[in-house]
Amino acid sequence: MTGGRSPGVSQAARAAFIFLTTGSAILNHEAGRQSLAEVLFPMLPVDGWAKEHEEVIDALKNAPRVLKIIGGEPSLALPYKSLVEILRCYIDPCKYDDFLWWATVWHAEQWLELEEIVSPGVRGKGKKTKVLVKQAIALAANSYTKAQIAFSLGVAPSTVSSWLRRYPEFGRVKVARQAAVVPVNDPLS
């Protein structure tokens, strides 16, 4: 024995771990987010998903914010399972079962409505940033580099780069790659 451990124990433990994790039907289930009980005892409504589908559609018709998030009116024509997968993706990824999605839609709509009340208005370009971008456009038109523009405006060069991406009017102005060479009147030449 070297180091107090036999090499067979670690290999056996590794083999057991690989066997338990790769051959497990529960761990490799297509809907891996389901609980053990749902995998072993799947529950389906007596009428299929017809009543649940109808309730979710009614809830979505009364939830314009949620409907907008999941793709609008075309989403209402989807089959129930597809609609639930979209709702799970955009609204509640932690809701594992396929039941009572109408309540989840209703809660999400309430949340989004309250969020609009707390933080109204459209997010976007602020007044101060608009002024700085206009100044940056003027500097870029005078052959300033990103670094020179950033220094002149007191911002980071990465900020100027993000403005180039976010503001199309700034992107149309060619920013110099090198500092412009200003001729100097040299009396000796």
Foldseek 3Di string as FASTA:
>chain_A
DPPPDDPVVVVVVVVVVCCCQVVDCQCPPPLVLADPCCVVPPDADPVGCVVVLVLLLVLCVVQVVLCVQLPHDVLNPDDLVVNQVSCCVRQNVNPRDSPDVSVSSNVSSVVVVVVCVVPPDDDDDDPVNVVLLVVLLVVQLVQAALCRSCVVSVHDSVVSVVCCVPPVVSVVRHHHPDHDDDDDDDPVD
